[in-house]
Amino acid sequence: MADIRKTLDGDLGDRDKLMATLKAVSLADTPRGPVKFDHLNNAVGNIYVRRLGKDGAKHGLTLWNKTIKTYDNVSQFWTWPEGEFLAHPVYTRDYPPLTKC
């Protein structure tokens, strides 16, 4: 956050400079792990698969979430090619069509 203040020098009046600075934010240590933004201004971060169990329990708890797999730098597209994903219509009430009922 201090870098943002230094970059802007306290001037929030220049909207383009403010937006460019915010888009460049990359946080290494958040409660959900590292977070940054892609060129479409969506968050990119780690996804954690967890298992609830008794081993590793702390702080007097009997059950504890244990991370069993981490997927690094997951974007809104995950494993899909961006162009292919964006070529589909926007997800709505009518798309994809309901075919199982």
N, C-alpha and C. Protein backbone atom coordinates (compact mmCIF):
# COMPACT_ATOMS: atom_id res chain seq x y z
N MET A 1 0.82 -1.19 0.00
CA MET A 1 0.00 0.00 0.00
C MET A 1 0.87 1.26 0.00
N ALA A 2 2.00 1.16 0.65
CA ALA A 2 2.90 2.32 0.69
C ALA A 2 3.40 2.67 -0.70
N ASP A 3 3.62 1.65 -1.55
CA ASP A 3 4.07 1.90 -2.92
C ASP A 3 3.02 2.67 -3.72
N ILE A 4 1.75 2.38 -3.47
CA ILE A 4 0.67 3.09 -4.16
C ILE A 4 0.71 4.56 -3.78
N ARG A 5 0.89 4.83 -2.50
CA ARG A 5 0.96 6.23 -2.04
C ARG A 5 2.14 6.95 -2.66
N LYS A 6 3.28 6.25 -2.75
CA LYS A 6 4.46 6.86 -3.35
C LYS A 6 4.25 7.14 -4.84
N THR A 7 3.66 6.18 -5.53
CA THR A 7 3.44 6.34 -6.97
C THR A 7 2.50 7.50 -7.25
N LEU A 8 1.43 7.61 -6.48
CA LEU A 8 0.44 8.66 -6.70
C LEU A 8 0.83 9.98 -6.06
N ASP A 9 1.72 9.95 -5.11
CA ASP A 9 2.15 11.14 -4.39
C ASP A 9 0.95 11.90 -3.80
N GLY A 10 -0.04 11.12 -3.33
CA GLY A 10 -1.21 11.72 -2.69
C GLY A 10 -2.22 12.32 -3.64
N ASP A 11 -1.96 12.27 -4.95
CA ASP A 11 -2.85 12.89 -5.93
C ASP A 11 -3.84 11.85 -6.46
N LEU A 12 -5.09 11.92 -6.03
CA LEU A 12 -6.13 11.01 -6.50
C LEU A 12 -6.98 11.64 -7.60
N GLY A 13 -6.63 12.84 -8.03
CA GLY A 13 -7.40 13.55 -9.04
C GLY A 13 -7.18 13.03 -10.45
N ASP A 14 -6.01 12.45 -10.72
CA ASP A 14 -5.71 11.92 -12.05
C ASP A 14 -6.24 10.48 -12.11
N ARG A 15 -7.43 10.32 -12.67
CA ARG A 15 -8.11 9.03 -12.68
C ARG A 15 -7.31 7.97 -13.43
N ASP A 16 -6.73 8.33 -14.57
CA ASP A 16 -5.97 7.36 -15.36
C ASP A 16 -4.75 6.85 -14.60
N LYS A 17 -4.06 7.75 -13.92
CA LYS A 17 -2.89 7.37 -13.14
C LYS A 17 -3.30 6.49 -11.95
N LEU A 18 -4.42 6.83 -11.31
CA LEU A 18 -4.92 6.04 -10.20
C LEU A 18 -5.27 4.62 -10.66
N MET A 19 -6.00 4.51 -11.77
CA MET A 19 -6.41 3.19 -12.27
C MET A 19 -5.19 2.37 -12.70
N ALA A 20 -4.23 2.98 -13.36
CA ALA A 20 -3.02 2.26 -13.77
C ALA A 20 -2.26 1.76 -12.54
N THR A 21 -2.21 2.56 -11.50
CA THR A 21 -1.52 2.16 -10.28
C THR A 21 -2.25 1.01 -9.59
N LEU A 22 -3.56 1.07 -9.51
CA LEU A 22 -4.34 0.00 -8.88
C LEU A 22 -4.23 -1.30 -9.66
N LYS A 23 -4.22 -1.21 -10.99
CA LYS A 23 -4.10 -2.41 -11.82
C LYS A 23 -2.75 -3.08 -11.66
N ALA A 24 -1.74 -2.34 -11.27
CA ALA A 24 -0.40 -2.89 -11.11
C ALA A 24 -0.17 -3.51 -9.73
N VAL A 25 -1.18 -3.45 -8.86
CA VAL A 25 -1.03 -3.98 -7.50
C VAL A 25 -0.82 -5.50 -7.56
N SER A 26 0.13 -5.96 -6.80
CA SER A 26 0.39 -7.39 -6.64
C SER A 26 0.71 -7.62 -5.17
N LEU A 27 -0.17 -8.34 -4.49
CA LEU A 27 -0.02 -8.57 -3.05
C LEU A 27 0.49 -9.98 -2.82
N ALA A 28 1.61 -10.10 -2.14
CA ALA A 28 2.23 -11.41 -1.94
C ALA A 28 1.69 -12.16 -0.73
N ASP A 29 1.20 -11.44 0.27
CA ASP A 29 0.82 -12.10 1.51
C ASP A 29 -0.55 -11.62 1.97
N THR A 30 -1.60 -12.31 1.50
CA THR A 30 -2.96 -12.02 1.94
C THR A 30 -3.52 -13.28 2.60
N PRO A 31 -4.65 -13.21 3.28
CA PRO A 31 -5.22 -14.43 3.88
C PRO A 31 -5.52 -15.52 2.86
N ARG A 32 -5.71 -15.15 1.60
CA ARG A 32 -5.96 -16.15 0.55
C ARG A 32 -4.74 -16.42 -0.30
N GLY A 33 -3.59 -15.96 0.12
CA GLY A 33 -2.37 -16.17 -0.65
C GLY A 33 -2.11 -14.99 -1.57
N PRO A 34 -1.17 -15.14 -2.51
CA PRO A 34 -0.83 -14.03 -3.39
C PRO A 34 -2.00 -13.66 -4.33
N VAL A 35 -2.17 -12.36 -4.56
CA VAL A 35 -3.24 -11.87 -5.43
C VAL A 35 -2.68 -10.77 -6.33
N LYS A 36 -3.05 -10.83 -7.61
CA LYS A 36 -2.71 -9.78 -8.56
C LYS A 36 -3.89 -9.65 -9.51
N PHE A 37 -3.81 -8.73 -10.47
CA PHE A 37 -4.89 -8.52 -11.42
C PHE A 37 -4.41 -8.79 -12.83
N ASP A 38 -5.29 -9.38 -13.65
CA ASP A 38 -4.92 -9.62 -15.04
C ASP A 38 -5.25 -8.41 -15.90
N HIS A 39 -5.02 -8.52 -17.20
CA HIS A 39 -5.24 -7.39 -18.10
C HIS A 39 -6.71 -7.02 -18.26
N LEU A 40 -7.62 -7.87 -17.75
CA LEU A 40 -9.05 -7.57 -17.78
C LEU A 40 -9.55 -7.11 -16.41
N ASN A 41 -8.62 -6.83 -15.50
CA ASN A 41 -8.90 -6.32 -14.16
C ASN A 41 -9.60 -7.33 -13.26
N ASN A 42 -9.41 -8.61 -13.52
CA ASN A 42 -9.95 -9.65 -12.65
C ASN A 42 -8.85 -10.21 -11.78
N ALA A 43 -9.21 -10.65 -10.59
CA ALA A 43 -8.22 -11.17 -9.65
C ALA A 43 -7.65 -12.50 -10.14
N VAL A 44 -6.36 -12.66 -9.92
CA VAL A 44 -5.66 -13.91 -10.19
C VAL A 44 -5.00 -14.31 -8.88
N GLY A 45 -5.29 -15.52 -8.43
CA GLY A 45 -4.73 -15.95 -7.16
C GLY A 45 -4.72 -17.46 -7.04
N ASN A 46 -4.32 -17.92 -5.89
CA ASN A 46 -4.25 -19.35 -5.63
C ASN A 46 -5.62 -19.89 -5.22
N ILE A 47 -5.88 -21.14 -5.61
CA ILE A 47 -7.06 -21.87 -5.18
C ILE A 47 -6.57 -23.06 -4.36
N TYR A 48 -7.18 -23.26 -3.21
CA TYR A 48 -6.75 -24.31 -2.31
C TYR A 48 -7.84 -25.36 -2.17
N VAL A 49 -7.46 -26.64 -2.34
CA VAL A 49 -8.37 -27.75 -2.08
C VAL A 49 -8.02 -28.23 -0.68
N ARG A 50 -9.04 -28.30 0.17
CA ARG A 50 -8.80 -28.63 1.57
C ARG A 50 -9.62 -29.84 1.99
N ARG A 51 -9.12 -30.50 2.99
CA ARG A 51 -9.83 -31.65 3.58
C ARG A 51 -9.99 -31.38 5.07
N LEU A 52 -11.18 -31.63 5.55
CA LEU A 52 -11.46 -31.46 6.97
C LEU A 52 -11.04 -32.74 7.68
N GLY A 53 -10.21 -32.58 8.71
CA GLY A 53 -9.75 -33.76 9.45
C GLY A 53 -9.28 -33.38 10.83
N LYS A 54 -8.85 -34.41 11.56
CA LYS A 54 -8.41 -34.20 12.94
C LYS A 54 -6.90 -33.95 13.01
N ASP A 55 -6.14 -34.46 12.06
CA ASP A 55 -4.69 -34.29 12.13
C ASP A 55 -4.31 -32.85 11.81
N GLY A 56 -3.43 -32.32 12.60
CA GLY A 56 -2.98 -30.95 12.43
C GLY A 56 -3.85 -29.92 13.13
N ALA A 57 -4.86 -30.37 13.89
CA ALA A 57 -5.75 -29.44 14.58
C ALA A 57 -4.97 -28.61 15.60
N LYS A 58 -5.30 -27.33 15.67
CA LYS A 58 -4.62 -26.41 16.57
C LYS A 58 -5.63 -25.62 17.39
N HIS A 59 -5.12 -24.88 18.33
CA HIS A 59 -5.91 -23.92 19.11
C HIS A 59 -7.10 -24.57 19.83
N GLY A 60 -6.96 -25.82 20.23
CA GLY A 60 -8.02 -26.50 20.97
C GLY A 60 -9.17 -27.00 20.10
N LEU A 61 -9.03 -26.90 18.79
CA LEU A 61 -10.09 -27.39 17.90
C LEU A 61 -9.92 -28.88 17.65
N THR A 62 -11.04 -29.58 17.44
CA THR A 62 -10.95 -31.01 17.16
C THR A 62 -10.86 -31.28 15.67
N LEU A 63 -11.36 -30.39 14.85
CA LEU A 63 -11.29 -30.53 13.39
C LEU A 63 -10.53 -29.35 12.81
N TRP A 64 -9.86 -29.59 11.69
CA TRP A 64 -9.01 -28.58 11.09
C TRP A 64 -9.00 -28.75 9.58
N ASN A 65 -9.01 -27.66 8.83
CA ASN A 65 -8.87 -27.73 7.38
C ASN A 65 -7.41 -27.91 7.02
N LYS A 66 -7.12 -28.92 6.25
CA LYS A 66 -5.75 -29.17 5.82
C LYS A 66 -5.69 -29.01 4.31
N THR A 67 -4.78 -28.17 3.83
CA THR A 67 -4.62 -27.97 2.39
C THR A 67 -3.96 -29.21 1.80
N ILE A 68 -4.64 -29.82 0.80
CA ILE A 68 -4.08 -31.01 0.17
C ILE A 68 -3.60 -30.74 -1.25
N LYS A 69 -4.04 -29.64 -1.84
CA LYS A 69 -3.59 -29.29 -3.19
C LYS A 69 -3.73 -27.78 -3.37
N THR A 70 -2.74 -27.18 -4.01
CA THR A 70 -2.77 -25.75 -4.31
C THR A 70 -2.62 -25.55 -5.80
N TYR A 71 -3.54 -24.79 -6.39
CA TYR A 71 -3.44 -24.39 -7.79
C TYR A 71 -2.99 -22.94 -7.80
N ASP A 72 -1.80 -22.70 -8.34
CA ASP A 72 -1.22 -21.36 -8.33
C ASP A 72 -1.72 -20.51 -9.50
N ASN A 73 -1.86 -19.22 -9.26
CA ASN A 73 -2.18 -18.23 -10.29
C ASN A 73 -3.39 -18.61 -11.15
N VAL A 74 -4.51 -18.86 -10.52
CA VAL A 74 -5.73 -19.22 -11.23
C VAL A 74 -6.47 -17.95 -11.62
N SER A 75 -6.74 -17.83 -12.92
CA SER A 75 -7.49 -16.68 -13.42
C SER A 75 -8.94 -17.10 -13.64
N GLN A 76 -9.73 -16.19 -14.15
CA GLN A 76 -11.13 -16.50 -14.43
C GLN A 76 -11.26 -17.58 -15.52
N PHE A 77 -10.22 -17.78 -16.30
CA PHE A 77 -10.27 -18.75 -17.39
C PHE A 77 -9.75 -20.12 -16.98
N TRP A 78 -9.04 -20.19 -15.90
CA TRP A 78 -8.38 -21.37 -15.36
C TRP A 78 -7.59 -22.07 -16.45
N THR A 79 -8.03 -23.21 -16.96
CA THR A 79 -7.24 -23.93 -17.96
C THR A 79 -7.72 -23.68 -19.38
N TRP A 80 -8.81 -22.95 -19.55
CA TRP A 80 -9.33 -22.67 -20.88
C TRP A 80 -8.49 -21.61 -21.56
N PRO A 81 -8.29 -21.72 -22.87
CA PRO A 81 -7.66 -20.61 -23.60
C PRO A 81 -8.58 -19.39 -23.55
N GLU A 82 -8.02 -18.24 -23.29
CA GLU A 82 -8.82 -17.02 -23.10
C GLU A 82 -9.73 -16.73 -24.28
N GLY A 83 -9.21 -16.82 -25.49
CA GLY A 83 -10.01 -16.53 -26.68
C GLY A 83 -11.20 -17.46 -26.84
N GLU A 84 -10.98 -18.73 -26.56
CA GLU A 84 -12.07 -19.71 -26.65
C GLU A 84 -13.14 -19.43 -25.61
N PHE A 85 -12.73 -19.12 -24.40
CA PHE A 85 -13.67 -18.82 -23.32
C PHE A 85 -14.50 -17.59 -23.66
N LEU A 86 -13.84 -16.53 -24.13
CA LEU A 86 -14.54 -15.28 -24.42
C LEU A 86 -15.42 -15.38 -25.67
N ALA A 87 -15.21 -16.39 -26.50
CA ALA A 87 -16.03 -16.57 -27.69
C ALA A 87 -17.43 -17.09 -27.36
N HIS A 88 -17.59 -17.68 -26.18
CA HIS A 88 -18.90 -18.18 -25.77
C HIS A 88 -19.78 -17.01 -25.33
N PRO A 89 -21.10 -17.17 -25.45
CA PRO A 89 -22.00 -16.13 -24.92
C PRO A 89 -21.84 -15.99 -23.41
N VAL A 90 -22.21 -14.86 -22.89
CA VAL A 90 -22.14 -14.62 -21.46
C VAL A 90 -23.12 -15.55 -20.76
N TYR A 91 -22.72 -16.11 -19.63
CA TYR A 91 -23.58 -17.00 -18.85
C TYR A 91 -24.78 -16.21 -18.35
N THR A 92 -25.97 -16.68 -18.69
CA THR A 92 -27.21 -16.03 -18.27
C THR A 92 -28.22 -17.09 -17.88
N ARG A 93 -29.40 -16.65 -17.60
CA ARG A 93 -30.49 -17.56 -17.27
C ARG A 93 -30.83 -18.46 -18.46
N ASP A 94 -30.60 -17.97 -19.67
CA ASP A 94 -30.94 -18.73 -20.87
C ASP A 94 -29.76 -19.47 -21.50
N TYR A 95 -28.54 -19.13 -21.09
CA TYR A 95 -27.38 -19.80 -21.64
C TYR A 95 -26.48 -20.24 -20.51
N PRO A 96 -26.06 -21.49 -20.47
CA PRO A 96 -26.36 -22.53 -21.43
C PRO A 96 -27.80 -23.03 -21.26
N PRO A 97 -28.38 -23.53 -22.35
CA PRO A 97 -29.77 -23.95 -22.27
C PRO A 97 -29.93 -25.16 -21.34
N LEU A 98 -31.03 -25.17 -20.62
CA LEU A 98 -31.33 -26.27 -19.71
C LEU A 98 -31.81 -27.46 -20.52
N THR A 99 -31.11 -28.57 -20.47
CA THR A 99 -31.46 -29.74 -21.28
C THR A 99 -31.81 -30.96 -20.46
N LYS A 100 -31.65 -30.91 -19.16
CA LYS A 100 -31.82 -32.12 -18.33
C LYS A 100 -33.17 -32.19 -17.63
N CYS A 101 -34.02 -31.20 -17.74
CA CYS A 101 -35.30 -31.25 -17.03
C CYS A 101 -36.47 -31.43 -17.97
